[in-house]
Amino acid sequence: MENYYIISLQMIKYLCITSEEEYQKLVNQYLILNIESLKYISQTRSFNKIIKIAEELV
């Protein structure tokens, strides 16, 4: 699960995803976490906060 979390954050960072709608399109095409799982693991309800977490990812 941790691996999918990292992959999901990397997709947000490298593809410059800025909205939940854009992310949802990726979920349908790639094996990454859905938005609710991503929010749960990140312990936030804000997608903008998830984007900030992704940007800080090394």
Protein backbone atom coordinates (compact mmCIF):
# COMPACT_ATOMS: atom_id res chain seq x y z
CA MET A 1 0.00 0.00 0.00
CA GLU A 2 2.88 2.34 0.83
CA ASN A 3 4.30 1.75 -2.65
CA TYR A 4 1.04 2.77 -4.34
CA TYR A 5 0.89 5.87 -2.14
CA ILE A 6 4.35 6.96 -3.29
CA ILE A 7 3.51 6.23 -6.92
CA SER A 8 0.29 8.24 -6.64
CA LEU A 9 2.14 11.23 -5.17
CA GLN A 10 4.81 11.00 -7.86
CA MET A 11 2.15 11.04 -10.58
CA ILE A 12 0.67 14.21 -9.06
CA LYS A 13 4.08 15.85 -8.86
CA TYR A 14 5.51 14.92 -12.27
CA LEU A 15 2.31 15.47 -14.26
CA CYS A 16 1.50 18.75 -12.44
CA ILE A 17 -1.98 17.62 -11.43
CA THR A 18 -3.95 20.53 -9.97
CA SER A 19 -7.45 19.15 -9.45
CA GLU A 20 -9.30 16.06 -8.33
CA GLU A 21 -10.85 15.73 -11.79
CA GLU A 22 -7.45 15.48 -13.44
CA TYR A 23 -6.35 12.94 -10.85
CA GLN A 24 -9.51 10.88 -11.38
CA LYS A 25 -8.64 10.54 -15.07
CA LEU A 26 -5.29 9.05 -14.04
CA VAL A 27 -6.96 6.60 -11.66
CA ASN A 28 -8.97 5.22 -14.56
CA GLN A 29 -5.83 4.69 -16.67
CA TYR A 30 -3.13 3.67 -14.19
CA LEU A 31 -2.78 1.44 -11.15
CA ILE A 32 -2.75 4.16 -8.49
CA LEU A 33 -4.82 4.88 -5.41
CA ASN A 34 -8.26 6.36 -5.82
CA ILE A 35 -8.83 9.81 -4.39
CA GLU A 36 -10.55 8.63 -1.19
CA SER A 37 -7.71 6.22 -0.34
CA LEU A 38 -5.15 8.91 -1.06
CA LYS A 39 -6.96 11.33 1.25
CA TYR A 40 -7.23 8.69 3.97
CA ILE A 41 -3.54 7.78 3.91
CA SER A 42 -2.54 11.46 3.77
CA GLN A 43 -4.89 12.14 6.69
CA THR A 44 -6.48 15.11 4.99
CA ARG A 45 -9.68 15.92 3.13
CA SER A 46 -8.02 18.63 1.04
CA PHE A 47 -6.64 17.69 -2.37
CA ASN A 48 -4.56 20.90 -2.33
CA LYS A 49 -2.74 19.61 0.76
CA ILE A 50 -2.05 16.33 -1.07
CA ILE A 51 -0.57 18.34 -3.95
CA LYS A 52 1.75 20.09 -1.46
CA ILE A 53 2.79 16.71 0.00
CA ALA A 54 3.53 15.48 -3.52
CA GLU A 55 5.64 18.55 -4.32
CA GLU A 56 7.74 17.97 -1.19
CA LEU A 57 8.37 14.36 -2.22
CA VAL A 58 11.98 13.80 -3.16
